[in-house]
Amino acid sequence: MKTPDPGEVLTGKALRRLRLRHLELLQILGTVNTVHMAATHMSLSQPTVSKMIGEMEEVVGLRLFTRGRRGIEANAQGRLLIRHAGFMINHLQAASDEIGAMRLGASGLLRVGSFQTTVLLPLAITRLQRSLPGMLIRIHDSPPPHLLGQLLAGELDCVVTAIHPDVLSRPGVDGLQLASVAADRVCVVASPQHALARSLKLGWADVVAQRWVLPPPEALTRQVLVASCMQQGLVPPVPALESLSASTALQLVRFDPGLLGLTRFHLAQEDHAMGLIRILPLTPSLPLPDIALITRRDNSVEPEVITALKSALHQAQRSARPVVPIARAKAAP
């Protein structure tokens, strides 16, 4: 293997030797572990794929893969190149998708990721389309860690969600920037017919022994609840039901007057304002990470579009229905 001059590693003449087909192969080699499988994915022969791998290693001047009984595996340099190749291909795919949208009459394309976090996003999208009426907006729903991976890979343009601080310590996230949109907290919800629904003040000791629908143990809201109960010397609630879907949990609470639910304040406030559920007045309050607009620092979206979305989110936050205490029922004369 010829080692290129230091100034030519992935630059100049060396870089021009790489083709889009090489990038495609790198992306595939990030998901399969044999040359045979990579060749099948690309509809090429195994010798052709082996030759392409050799060409890439010659350009870089380093081994990118190790071969063994288990097949082919990327080393540290190979994984780095795979990640960047995937990012470039996703950027090209995004450009192709946006051109396709423009051919159908759209002025552009915005790919937004979210996960059952807040009513703010639908409100903001409605406002955004008023200010950018020709913009096609695609909303992708996934758990926050998956959304961040899609954002870093260039599959999404931005994400609106709350991120646990631990996630922000992972490699690669220094390429992201966060703009806080709204504070959030854990809230306990009940049917308007629940025995505690008209209480004016409650402590956590008043509710832990009730029947509950809770998110799974790995959900941040439940982790916050369990930690708070332990700090207060209380036994955490034992769920009668579990559901990852906040909308399902809210429906269960509405239909079962004996059930309490745990969710984010921003998910429950609209149903509370419409009288479908009650947010119980519990103290102390359990804060959650802020809902944020998350973008890449090297975002390819027009800055005006991201600015417009940020403005729409702040306007939605200001116009969200306030949650007012439910008055205590008057005693019959």
C-alpha atoms as a PDB file:
ATOM      1  CA  MET A   1       0.000   0.000   0.000  1.00  0.00           C
ATOM      2  CA  LYS A   2       1.441   3.331  -1.053  1.00  0.00           C
ATOM      3  CA  THR A   3       1.334   5.934   1.696  1.00  0.00           C
ATOM      4  CA  PRO A   4       0.146   9.308   0.341  1.00  0.00           C
ATOM      5  CA  ASP A   5       1.865  12.543   1.185  1.00  0.00           C
ATOM      6  CA  PRO A   6       0.550  13.980   4.477  1.00  0.00           C
ATOM      7  CA  GLY A   7      -0.945  16.962   2.640  1.00  0.00           C
ATOM      8  CA  GLU A   8      -2.843  14.711   0.263  1.00  0.00           C
ATOM      9  CA  VAL A   9      -4.708  12.501   2.730  1.00  0.00           C
ATOM     10  CA  LEU A  10      -8.351  12.946   1.680  1.00  0.00           C
ATOM     11  CA  THR A  11      -7.485  16.211  -0.047  1.00  0.00           C
ATOM     12  CA  GLY A  12      -6.447  17.248  -3.512  1.00  0.00           C
ATOM     13  CA  LYS A  13      -5.608  14.401  -5.875  1.00  0.00           C
ATOM     14  CA  ALA A  14      -6.257  11.752  -3.241  1.00  0.00           C
ATOM     15  CA  LEU A  15      -9.767  12.994  -2.541  1.00  0.00           C
ATOM     16  CA  ARG A  16     -10.654  13.100  -6.228  1.00  0.00           C
ATOM     17  CA  ARG A  17     -10.021   9.374  -6.447  1.00  0.00           C
ATOM     18  CA  LEU A  18     -13.016   8.694  -4.202  1.00  0.00           C
ATOM     19  CA  ARG A  19     -16.376   8.376  -5.924  1.00  0.00           C
ATOM     20  CA  LEU A  20     -19.941   8.369  -4.674  1.00  0.00           C
ATOM     21  CA  ARG A  21     -19.883   4.590  -5.109  1.00  0.00           C
ATOM     22  CA  HIS A  22     -17.067   4.398  -2.546  1.00  0.00           C
ATOM     23  CA  LEU A  23     -19.144   6.424  -0.077  1.00  0.00           C
ATOM     24  CA  GLU A  24     -22.116   4.136  -0.666  1.00  0.00           C
ATOM     25  CA  LEU A  25     -19.927   1.099   0.030  1.00  0.00           C
ATOM     26  CA  LEU A  26     -18.658   2.652   3.260  1.00  0.00           C
ATOM     27  CA  GLN A  27     -22.211   3.261   4.417  1.00  0.00           C
ATOM     28  CA  ILE A  28     -23.147  -0.360   3.676  1.00  0.00           C
ATOM     29  CA  LEU A  29     -20.057  -1.684   5.449  1.00  0.00           C
ATOM     30  CA  GLY A  30     -21.331   0.092   8.550  1.00  0.00           C
ATOM     31  CA  THR A  31     -24.294  -2.321   8.615  1.00  0.00           C
ATOM     32  CA  VAL A  32     -22.958  -5.639   7.223  1.00  0.00           C
ATOM     33  CA  ASN A  33     -19.867  -7.651   8.125  1.00  0.00           C
ATOM     34  CA  THR A  34     -18.989  -9.578   4.975  1.00  0.00           C
ATOM     35  CA  VAL A  35     -17.827  -8.588   1.502  1.00  0.00           C
ATOM     36  CA  HIS A  36     -20.438 -10.965   0.103  1.00  0.00           C
ATOM     37  CA  MET A  37     -23.293  -9.103   1.818  1.00  0.00           C
ATOM     38  CA  ALA A  38     -21.909  -5.719   0.743  1.00  0.00           C
ATOM     39  CA  ALA A  39     -21.615  -6.961  -2.847  1.00  0.00           C
ATOM     40  CA  THR A  40     -25.206  -8.226  -2.750  1.00  0.00           C
ATOM     41  CA  HIS A  41     -26.466  -4.858  -1.467  1.00  0.00           C
ATOM     42  CA  MET A  42     -24.677  -3.028  -4.286  1.00  0.00           C
ATOM     43  CA  SER A  43     -25.393  -5.616  -7.009  1.00  0.00           C
ATOM     44  CA  LEU A  44     -21.652  -5.993  -7.612  1.00  0.00           C
ATOM     45  CA  SER A  45     -19.258  -8.921  -7.607  1.00  0.00           C
ATOM     46  CA  GLN A  46     -17.167  -9.689  -4.524  1.00  0.00           C
ATOM     47  CA  PRO A  47     -13.868  -9.006  -6.360  1.00  0.00           C
ATOM     48  CA  THR A  48     -15.190  -5.571  -7.367  1.00  0.00           C
ATOM     49  CA  VAL A  49     -16.096  -4.727  -3.777  1.00  0.00           C
ATOM     50  CA  SER A  50     -12.720  -5.990  -2.521  1.00  0.00           C
ATOM     51  CA  LYS A  51     -11.004  -3.824  -5.106  1.00  0.00           C
ATOM     52  CA  MET A  52     -13.015  -0.756  -3.994  1.00  0.00           C
ATOM     53  CA  ILE A  53     -12.014  -1.375  -0.368  1.00  0.00           C
ATOM     54  CA  GLY A  54      -8.375  -1.567  -1.453  1.00  0.00           C
ATOM     55  CA  GLU A  55      -8.750   1.703  -3.381  1.00  0.00           C
ATOM     56  CA  MET A  56     -10.119   3.490  -0.328  1.00  0.00           C
ATOM     57  CA  GLU A  57      -7.351   2.171   1.891  1.00  0.00           C
ATOM     58  CA  GLU A  58      -4.776   3.281  -0.658  1.00  0.00           C
ATOM     59  CA  VAL A  59      -6.248   6.779  -0.796  1.00  0.00           C
ATOM     60  CA  VAL A  60      -6.162   7.102   2.997  1.00  0.00           C
ATOM     61  CA  GLY A  61      -2.845   5.318   3.343  1.00  0.00           C
ATOM     62  CA  LEU A  62      -4.144   3.236   6.233  1.00  0.00           C
ATOM     63  CA  ARG A  63      -5.918  -0.033   6.807  1.00  0.00           C
ATOM     64  CA  LEU A  64      -9.594   0.673   7.357  1.00  0.00           C
ATOM     65  CA  PHE A  65     -10.827  -2.872   7.910  1.00  0.00           C
ATOM     66  CA  THR A  66      -9.632  -6.095   9.486  1.00  0.00           C
ATOM     67  CA  ARG A  67     -10.444  -9.423   7.858  1.00  0.00           C
ATOM     68  CA  GLY A  68     -11.069 -12.562   9.854  1.00  0.00           C
ATOM     69  CA  ARG A  69     -13.273 -15.606  10.244  1.00  0.00           C
ATOM     70  CA  ARG A  70     -16.229 -13.400  11.152  1.00  0.00           C
ATOM     71  CA  GLY A  71     -15.838 -11.392   7.988  1.00  0.00           C
ATOM     72  CA  ILE A  72     -14.752  -7.786   7.674  1.00  0.00           C
ATOM     73  CA  GLU A  73     -14.773  -5.278  10.513  1.00  0.00           C
ATOM     74  CA  ALA A  74     -13.998  -1.554  10.474  1.00  0.00           C
ATOM     75  CA  ASN A  75     -11.203  -0.304  12.728  1.00  0.00           C
ATOM     76  CA  ALA A  76     -11.216   3.157  14.338  1.00  0.00           C
ATOM     77  CA  GLN A  77     -10.219   4.915  11.090  1.00  0.00           C
ATOM     78  CA  GLY A  78     -12.761   2.877   9.142  1.00  0.00           C
ATOM     79  CA  ARG A  79     -15.565   3.736  11.559  1.00  0.00           C
ATOM     80  CA  LEU A  80     -14.676   7.417  11.291  1.00  0.00           C
ATOM     81  CA  LEU A  81     -14.821   7.289   7.489  1.00  0.00           C
ATOM     82  CA  ILE A  82     -18.076   5.306   7.573  1.00  0.00           C
ATOM     83  CA  ARG A  83     -19.690   7.933   9.788  1.00  0.00           C
ATOM     84  CA  HIS A  84     -18.661  10.807   7.538  1.00  0.00           C
ATOM     85  CA  ALA A  85     -19.614   8.899   4.385  1.00  0.00           C
ATOM     86  CA  GLY A  86     -23.091   8.286   5.774  1.00  0.00           C
ATOM     87  CA  PHE A  87     -23.404  11.960   6.646  1.00  0.00           C
ATOM     88  CA  MET A  88     -22.471  13.027   3.110  1.00  0.00           C
ATOM     89  CA  ILE A  89     -24.865  10.539   1.498  1.00  0.00           C
ATOM     90  CA  ASN A  90     -27.694  11.658   3.790  1.00  0.00           C
ATOM     91  CA  HIS A  91     -26.971  15.274   2.836  1.00  0.00           C
ATOM     92  CA  LEU A  92     -27.214  14.366  -0.842  1.00  0.00           C
ATOM     93  CA  GLN A  93     -30.438  12.435  -0.176  1.00  0.00           C
ATOM     94  CA  ALA A  94     -31.841  15.450   1.661  1.00  0.00           C
ATOM     95  CA  ALA A  95     -31.004  17.658  -1.329  1.00  0.00           C
ATOM     96  CA  SER A  96     -32.692  15.163  -3.643  1.00  0.00           C
ATOM     97  CA  ASP A  97     -35.795  15.047  -1.421  1.00  0.00           C
ATOM     98  CA  GLU A  98     -35.999  18.826  -1.298  1.00  0.00           C
ATOM     99  CA  ILE A  99     -35.638  19.123  -5.072  1.00  0.00           C
ATOM    100  CA  GLY A 100     -38.413  16.551  -5.416  1.00  0.00           C
ATOM    101  CA  ALA A 101     -40.640  18.584  -3.087  1.00  0.00           C
ATOM    102  CA  MET A 102     -39.898  21.751  -5.067  1.00  0.00           C
ATOM    103  CA  ARG A 103     -40.825  20.013  -8.314  1.00  0.00           C
ATOM    104  CA  LEU A 104     -44.251  19.365  -6.763  1.00  0.00           C
ATOM    105  CA  GLY A 105     -44.647  23.051  -5.919  1.00  0.00           C
ATOM    106  CA  ALA A 106     -43.129  23.359  -2.443  1.00  0.00           C
ATOM    107  CA  SER A 107     -40.716  26.185  -1.657  1.00  0.00           C
ATOM    108  CA  GLY A 108     -38.534  23.861   0.406  1.00  0.00           C
ATOM    109  CA  LEU A 109     -38.439  20.909   2.815  1.00  0.00           C
ATOM    110  CA  LEU A 110     -37.961  20.844   6.578  1.00  0.00           C
ATOM    111  CA  ARG A 111     -37.506  17.507   8.371  1.00  0.00           C
ATOM    112  CA  VAL A 112     -38.435  17.831  12.051  1.00  0.00           C
ATOM    113  CA  GLY A 113     -38.018  15.123  14.692  1.00  0.00           C
ATOM    114  CA  SER A 114     -40.113  14.943  17.853  1.00  0.00           C
ATOM    115  CA  PHE A 115     -41.351  12.441  20.430  1.00  0.00           C
ATOM    116  CA  GLN A 116     -44.630  12.909  22.302  1.00  0.00           C
ATOM    117  CA  THR A 117     -43.115  15.778  24.229  1.00  0.00           C
ATOM    118  CA  THR A 118     -45.359  18.757  23.871  1.00  0.00           C
ATOM    119  CA  VAL A 119     -48.362  20.350  22.244  1.00  0.00           C
ATOM    120  CA  LEU A 120     -46.027  23.217  21.390  1.00  0.00           C
ATOM    121  CA  LEU A 121     -44.753  21.596  18.194  1.00  0.00           C
ATOM    122  CA  PRO A 122     -48.169  21.243  16.482  1.00  0.00           C
ATOM    123  CA  LEU A 123     -48.976  24.832  17.481  1.00  0.00           C
ATOM    124  CA  ALA A 124     -45.607  26.024  16.175  1.00  0.00           C
ATOM    125  CA  ILE A 125     -45.912  24.095  12.896  1.00  0.00           C
ATOM    126  CA  THR A 126     -49.295  25.726  12.307  1.00  0.00           C
ATOM    127  CA  ARG A 127     -47.745  29.164  12.807  1.00  0.00           C
ATOM    128  CA  LEU A 128     -44.708  28.283  10.711  1.00  0.00           C
ATOM    129  CA  GLN A 129     -46.813  27.304   7.730  1.00  0.00           C
ATOM    130  CA  ARG A 130     -48.570  30.659   7.922  1.00  0.00           C
ATOM    131  CA  SER A 131     -45.240  32.483   7.647  1.00  0.00           C
ATOM    132  CA  LEU A 132     -43.748  29.995   5.137  1.00  0.00           C
ATOM    133  CA  PRO A 133     -46.856  28.748   3.284  1.00  0.00           C
ATOM    134  CA  GLY A 134     -44.936  26.875   0.612  1.00  0.00           C
ATOM    135  CA  MET A 135     -42.724  24.880   2.991  1.00  0.00           C
ATOM    136  CA  LEU A 136     -43.254  21.104   3.130  1.00  0.00           C
ATOM    137  CA  ILE A 137     -42.739  19.937   6.717  1.00  0.00           C
ATOM    138  CA  ARG A 138     -42.147  16.271   7.497  1.00  0.00           C
ATOM    139  CA  ILE A 139     -42.481  15.254  11.146  1.00  0.00           C
ATOM    140  CA  HIS A 140     -40.651  12.124  12.335  1.00  0.00           C
ATOM    141  CA  ASP A 141     -41.584  10.537  15.675  1.00  0.00           C
ATOM    142  CA  SER A 142     -38.943   8.496  17.538  1.00  0.00           C
ATOM    143  CA  PRO A 143     -37.482   8.269  21.072  1.00  0.00           C
ATOM    144  CA  PRO A 144     -35.050  11.157  21.780  1.00  0.00           C
ATOM    145  CA  PRO A 145     -31.782   9.158  21.576  1.00  0.00           C
ATOM    146  CA  HIS A 146     -32.804   7.833  18.158  1.00  0.00           C
ATOM    147  CA  LEU A 147     -33.762  11.332  17.028  1.00  0.00           C
ATOM    148  CA  LEU A 148     -30.343  12.659  18.001  1.00  0.00           C
ATOM    149  CA  GLY A 149     -28.693   9.889  16.009  1.00  0.00           C
ATOM    150  CA  GLN A 150     -30.791  10.787  12.968  1.00  0.00           C
ATOM    151  CA  LEU A 151     -29.943  14.459  13.410  1.00  0.00           C
ATOM    152  CA  LEU A 152     -26.213  13.784  13.673  1.00  0.00           C
ATOM    153  CA  ALA A 153     -26.374  11.525  10.608  1.00  0.00           C
ATOM    154  CA  GLY A 154     -28.056  14.237   8.538  1.00  0.00           C
ATOM    155  CA  GLU A 155     -31.399  12.410   8.297  1.00  0.00           C
ATOM    156  CA  LEU A 156     -33.199  15.223  10.131  1.00  0.00           C
ATOM    157  CA  ASP A 157     -32.814  19.005  10.012  1.00  0.00           C
ATOM    158  CA  CYS A 158     -33.858  19.684  13.597  1.00  0.00           C
ATOM    159  CA  VAL A 159     -35.405  18.056  16.652  1.00  0.00           C
ATOM    160  CA  VAL A 160     -37.883  19.434  19.172  1.00  0.00           C
ATOM    161  CA  THR A 161     -37.742  17.423  22.378  1.00  0.00           C
ATOM    162  CA  ALA A 162     -36.314  17.264  25.890  1.00  0.00           C
ATOM    163  CA  ILE A 163     -32.943  15.557  26.246  1.00  0.00           C
ATOM    164  CA  HIS A 164     -31.616  13.944  29.402  1.00  0.00           C
ATOM    165  CA  PRO A 165     -28.277  15.558  30.410  1.00  0.00           C
ATOM    166  CA  ASP A 166     -26.559  12.149  30.252  1.00  0.00           C
ATOM    167  CA  VAL A 167     -27.280  11.958  26.516  1.00  0.00           C
ATOM    168  CA  LEU A 168     -25.449  15.238  25.951  1.00  0.00           C
ATOM    169  CA  SER A 169     -22.210  13.710  27.246  1.00  0.00           C
ATOM    170  CA  ARG A 170     -22.074  11.129  24.443  1.00  0.00           C
ATOM    171  CA  PRO A 171     -19.485  11.379  21.650  1.00  0.00           C
ATOM    172  CA  GLY A 172     -20.438  13.532  18.687  1.00  0.00           C
ATOM    173  CA  VAL A 173     -23.067  15.699  20.341  1.00  0.00           C
ATOM    174  CA  ASP A 174     -20.668  18.662  20.493  1.00  0.00           C
ATOM    175  CA  GLY A 175     -21.748  19.225  16.885  1.00  0.00           C
ATOM    176  CA  LEU A 176     -25.239  20.110  18.085  1.00  0.00           C
ATOM    177  CA  GLN A 177     -26.677  23.340  19.427  1.00  0.00           C
ATOM    178  CA  LEU A 178     -29.686  23.638  21.725  1.00  0.00           C
ATOM    179  CA  ALA A 179     -32.108  26.520  22.148  1.00  0.00           C
ATOM    180  CA  SER A 180     -34.428  26.180  25.134  1.00  0.00           C
ATOM    181  CA  VAL A 181     -38.096  26.580  24.230  1.00  0.00           C
ATOM    182  CA  ALA A 182     -39.976  25.824  27.449  1.00  0.00           C
ATOM    183  CA  ALA A 183     -39.472  24.512  30.965  1.00  0.00           C
ATOM    184  CA  ASP A 184     -41.180  21.224  31.720  1.00  0.00           C
ATOM    185  CA  ARG A 185     -42.035  19.090  34.734  1.00  0.00           C
ATOM    186  CA  VAL A 186     -43.537  15.792  35.741  1.00  0.00           C
ATOM    187  CA  CYS A 187     -47.260  15.902  36.425  1.00  0.00           C
ATOM    188  CA  VAL A 188     -49.804  13.422  37.745  1.00  0.00           C
ATOM    189  CA  VAL A 189     -53.121  13.282  35.916  1.00  0.00           C
ATOM    190  CA  ALA A 190     -56.504  11.856  36.865  1.00  0.00           C
ATOM    191  CA  SER A 191     -60.023  11.591  35.528  1.00  0.00           C
ATOM    192  CA  PRO A 192     -62.311  14.467  36.611  1.00  0.00           C
ATOM    193  CA  GLN A 193     -64.255  11.767  38.505  1.00  0.00           C
ATOM    194  CA  HIS A 194     -61.225  10.562  40.497  1.00  0.00           C
ATOM    195  CA  ALA A 195     -61.503  10.927  44.277  1.00  0.00           C
ATOM    196  CA  LEU A 196     -58.477  13.275  44.301  1.00  0.00           C
ATOM    197  CA  ALA A 197     -59.443  15.306  41.236  1.00  0.00           C
ATOM    198  CA  ARG A 198     -60.772  18.337  43.113  1.00  0.00           C
ATOM    199  CA  SER A 199     -58.047  18.518  45.748  1.00  0.00           C
ATOM    200  CA  LEU A 200     -56.372  21.917  46.092  1.00  0.00           C
ATOM    201  CA  LYS A 201     -53.093  20.626  47.522  1.00  0.00           C
ATOM    202  CA  LEU A 202     -51.508  17.189  47.649  1.00  0.00           C
ATOM    203  CA  GLY A 203     -48.197  15.660  48.689  1.00  0.00           C
ATOM    204  CA  TRP A 204     -46.583  12.645  47.057  1.00  0.00           C
ATOM    205  CA  ALA A 205     -47.440  10.554  50.133  1.00  0.00           C
ATOM    206  CA  ASP A 206     -51.110  11.096  49.228  1.00  0.00           C
ATOM    207  CA  VAL A 207     -50.807   9.455  45.814  1.00  0.00           C
ATOM    208  CA  VAL A 208     -48.114   6.761  45.785  1.00  0.00           C
ATOM    209  CA  ALA A 209     -50.480   4.015  46.987  1.00  0.00           C
ATOM    210  CA  GLN A 210     -53.088   4.724  44.277  1.00  0.00           C
ATOM    211  CA  ARG A 211     -53.598   2.641  41.129  1.00  0.00           C
ATOM    212  CA  TRP A 212     -51.242   3.873  38.391  1.00  0.00           C
ATOM    213  CA  VAL A 213     -50.515   3.694  34.693  1.00  0.00           C
ATOM    214  CA  LEU A 214     -46.809   4.428  34.377  1.00  0.00           C
ATOM    215  CA  PRO A 215     -44.268   4.626  31.556  1.00  0.00           C
ATOM    216  CA  PRO A 216     -41.627   1.850  31.437  1.00  0.00           C
ATOM    217  CA  PRO A 217     -38.797   1.926  34.020  1.00  0.00           C
ATOM    218  CA  GLU A 218     -36.319   3.383  31.487  1.00  0.00           C
ATOM    219  CA  ALA A 219     -38.532   6.431  30.803  1.00  0.00           C
ATOM    220  CA  LEU A 220     -37.134   9.677  32.230  1.00  0.00           C
ATOM    221  CA  THR A 221     -40.443  10.705  33.853  1.00  0.00           C
ATOM    222  CA  ARG A 222     -40.606   7.456  35.802  1.00  0.00           C
ATOM    223  CA  GLN A 223     -36.949   7.659  36.817  1.00  0.00           C
ATOM    224  CA  VAL A 224     -37.546  11.164  38.163  1.00  0.00           C
ATOM    225  CA  LEU A 225     -40.600   9.949  40.106  1.00  0.00           C
ATOM    226  CA  VAL A 226     -38.771   6.962  41.610  1.00  0.00           C
ATOM    227  CA  ALA A 227     -35.775   9.112  42.629  1.00  0.00           C
ATOM    228  CA  SER A 228     -38.037  11.692  44.283  1.00  0.00           C
ATOM    229  CA  CYS A 229     -39.979   9.046  46.199  1.00  0.00           C
ATOM    230  CA  MET A 230     -36.764   7.495  47.500  1.00  0.00           C
ATOM    231  CA  GLN A 231     -35.471  10.907  48.581  1.00  0.00           C
ATOM    232  CA  GLN A 232     -38.730  11.475  50.491  1.00  0.00           C
ATOM    233  CA  GLY A 233     -38.608   8.039  52.120  1.00  0.00           C
ATOM    234  CA  LEU A 234     -41.619   6.828  50.135  1.00  0.00           C
ATOM    235  CA  VAL A 235     -42.147   3.536  48.338  1.00  0.00           C
ATOM    236  CA  PRO A 236     -42.445   4.357  44.594  1.00  0.00           C
ATOM    237  CA  PRO A 237     -45.798   3.551  42.958  1.00  0.00           C
ATOM    238  CA  VAL A 238     -46.268   0.045  41.579  1.00  0.00           C
ATOM    239  CA  PRO A 239     -48.019   0.247  38.203  1.00  0.00           C
ATOM    240  CA  ALA A 240     -51.237  -1.559  37.425  1.00  0.00           C
ATOM    241  CA  LEU A 241     -50.538  -0.725  33.774  1.00  0.00           C
ATOM    242  CA  GLU A 242     -47.484   0.326  31.782  1.00  0.00           C
ATOM    243  CA  SER A 243     -47.430   2.230  28.488  1.00  0.00           C
ATOM    244  CA  LEU A 244     -44.666   4.048  26.626  1.00  0.00           C
ATOM    245  CA  SER A 245     -47.314   6.024  24.736  1.00  0.00           C
ATOM    246  CA  ALA A 246     -48.347   9.154  26.602  1.00  0.00           C
ATOM    247  CA  SER A 247     -51.513   9.469  24.521  1.00  0.00           C
ATOM    248  CA  THR A 248     -52.531   5.916  25.493  1.00  0.00           C
ATOM    249  CA  ALA A 249     -51.883   6.664  29.158  1.00  0.00           C
ATOM    250  CA  LEU A 250     -54.004   9.829  28.996  1.00  0.00           C
ATOM    251  CA  GLN A 251     -56.850   7.900  27.380  1.00  0.00           C
ATOM    252  CA  LEU A 252     -56.673   5.201  30.059  1.00  0.00           C
ATOM    253  CA  VAL A 253     -56.871   7.845  32.780  1.00  0.00           C
ATOM    254  CA  ARG A 254     -59.890   9.442  31.094  1.00  0.00           C
ATOM    255  CA  PHE A 255     -61.743   6.131  30.894  1.00  0.00           C
ATOM    256  CA  ASP A 256     -60.805   4.763  34.343  1.00  0.00           C
ATOM    257  CA  PRO A 257     -61.843   7.083  37.227  1.00  0.00           C
ATOM    258  CA  GLY A 258     -59.729   5.063  39.675  1.00  0.00           C
ATOM    259  CA  LEU A 259     -56.443   5.433  37.786  1.00  0.00           C
ATOM    260  CA  LEU A 260     -53.608   7.971  38.063  1.00  0.00           C
ATOM    261  CA  GLY A 261     -51.160   8.657  35.256  1.00  0.00           C
ATOM    262  CA  LEU A 262     -47.667  10.133  35.027  1.00  0.00           C
ATOM    263  CA  THR A 263     -46.709  12.352  32.108  1.00  0.00           C
ATOM    264  CA  ARG A 264     -45.073  15.592  31.066  1.00  0.00           C
ATOM    265  CA  PHE A 265     -46.848  18.815  31.920  1.00  0.00           C
ATOM    266  CA  HIS A 266     -46.724  20.009  28.293  1.00  0.00           C
ATOM    267  CA  LEU A 267     -48.441  16.847  27.131  1.00  0.00           C
ATOM    268  CA  ALA A 268     -51.263  17.117  29.649  1.00  0.00           C
ATOM    269  CA  GLN A 269     -52.043  20.832  29.781  1.00  0.00           C
ATOM    270  CA  GLU A 270     -54.309  20.944  26.714  1.00  0.00           C
ATOM    271  CA  ASP A 271     -56.491  18.031  27.904  1.00  0.00           C
ATOM    272  CA  HIS A 272     -56.631  19.631  31.347  1.00  0.00           C
ATOM    273  CA  ALA A 273     -57.732  22.977  29.894  1.00  0.00           C
ATOM    274  CA  MET A 274     -60.515  21.205  27.976  1.00  0.00           C
ATOM    275  CA  GLY A 275     -61.704  19.445  31.128  1.00  0.00           C
ATOM    276  CA  LEU A 276     -60.877  15.944  29.889  1.00  0.00           C
ATOM    277  CA  ILE A 277     -58.434  15.245  32.733  1.00  0.00           C
ATOM    278  CA  ARG A 278     -57.167  16.923  35.886  1.00  0.00           C
ATOM    279  CA  ILE A 279     -53.548  17.768  36.668  1.00  0.00           C
ATOM    280  CA  LEU A 280     -53.205  17.164  40.386  1.00  0.00           C
ATOM    281  CA  PRO A 281     -51.646  20.004  42.464  1.00  0.00           C
ATOM    282  CA  LEU A 282     -48.707  18.044  43.856  1.00  0.00           C
ATOM    283  CA  THR A 283     -45.771  19.435  45.819  1.00  0.00           C
ATOM    284  CA  PRO A 284     -42.874  19.398  45.582  1.00  0.00           C
ATOM    285  CA  SER A 285     -42.755  19.918  41.837  1.00  0.00           C
ATOM    286  CA  LEU A 286     -40.493  17.531  39.876  1.00  0.00           C
ATOM    287  CA  PRO A 287     -38.692  19.423  37.081  1.00  0.00           C
ATOM    288  CA  LEU A 288     -37.616  17.834  33.803  1.00  0.00           C
ATOM    289  CA  PRO A 289     -35.008  18.986  31.237  1.00  0.00           C
ATOM    290  CA  ASP A 290     -36.224  21.907  29.129  1.00  0.00           C
ATOM    291  CA  ILE A 291     -37.926  21.284  25.827  1.00  0.00           C
ATOM    292  CA  ALA A 292     -35.416  22.491  23.247  1.00  0.00           C
ATOM    293  CA  LEU A 293     -34.973  23.086  19.543  1.00  0.00           C
ATOM    294  CA  ILE A 294     -31.883  21.087  18.608  1.00  0.00           C
ATOM    295  CA  THR A 295     -29.968  21.639  15.357  1.00  0.00           C
ATOM    296  CA  ARG A 296     -26.562  20.761  13.918  1.00  0.00           C
ATOM    297  CA  ARG A 297     -23.944  23.497  13.845  1.00  0.00           C
ATOM    298  CA  ASP A 298     -23.310  22.724  10.168  1.00  0.00           C
ATOM    299  CA  ASN A 299     -27.010  22.683   9.267  1.00  0.00           C
ATOM    300  CA  SER A 300     -27.712  22.894   5.541  1.00  0.00           C
ATOM    301  CA  VAL A 301     -31.184  24.363   6.070  1.00  0.00           C
ATOM    302  CA  GLU A 302     -31.635  28.045   5.308  1.00  0.00           C
ATOM    303  CA  PRO A 303     -31.005  29.952   8.578  1.00  0.00           C
ATOM    304  CA  GLU A 304     -34.229  31.905   8.052  1.00  0.00           C
ATOM    305  CA  VAL A 305     -36.246  28.669   8.260  1.00  0.00           C
ATOM    306  CA  ILE A 306     -34.723  27.618  11.598  1.00  0.00           C
ATOM    307  CA  THR A 307     -35.166  31.166  12.919  1.00  0.00           C
ATOM    308  CA  ALA A 308     -38.827  31.111  11.857  1.00  0.00           C
ATOM    309  CA  LEU A 309     -39.378  27.753  13.591  1.00  0.00           C
ATOM    310  CA  LYS A 310     -37.712  28.999  16.778  1.00  0.00           C
ATOM    311  CA  SER A 311     -39.927  32.098  16.737  1.00  0.00           C
ATOM    312  CA  ALA A 312     -43.028  29.963  16.139  1.00  0.00           C
ATOM    313  CA  LEU A 313     -42.125  27.726  19.101  1.00  0.00           C
ATOM    314  CA  HIS A 314     -41.743  30.708  21.419  1.00  0.00           C
ATOM    315  CA  GLN A 315     -45.051  32.149  20.187  1.00  0.00           C
ATOM    316  CA  ALA A 316     -46.718  28.777  20.765  1.00  0.00           C
ATOM    317  CA  GLN A 317     -45.331  28.679  24.301  1.00  0.00           C
ATOM    318  CA  ARG A 318     -46.771  32.112  25.053  1.00  0.00           C
ATOM    319  CA  SER A 319     -50.175  31.222  23.608  1.00  0.00           C
ATOM    320  CA  ALA A 320     -50.511  27.779  25.226  1.00  0.00           C
ATOM    321  CA  ARG A 321     -53.538  27.475  27.449  1.00  0.00           C
ATOM    322  CA  PRO A 322     -52.709  28.174  31.091  1.00  0.00           C
ATOM    323  CA  VAL A 323     -53.496  25.520  33.672  1.00  0.00           C
ATOM    324  CA  VAL A 324     -55.689  26.943  36.409  1.00  0.00           C
ATOM    325  CA  PRO A 325     -56.543  25.249  39.705  1.00  0.00           C
ATOM    326  CA  ILE A 326     -59.806  23.341  39.768  1.00  0.00           C
ATOM    327  CA  ALA A 327     -62.111  24.977  42.287  1.00  0.00           C
ATOM    328  CA  ARG A 328     -63.261  22.845  45.216  1.00  0.00           C
ATOM    329  CA  ALA A 329     -66.836  21.654  44.799  1.00  0.00           C
ATOM    330  CA  LYS A 330     -69.298  23.583  46.956  1.00  0.00           C
ATOM    331  CA  ALA A 331     -71.135  21.638  49.618  1.00  0.00           C
ATOM    332  CA  ALA A 332     -74.830  21.134  48.929  1.00  0.00           C
ATOM    333  CA  PRO A 333     -77.045  23.444  50.985  1.00  0.00           C
END
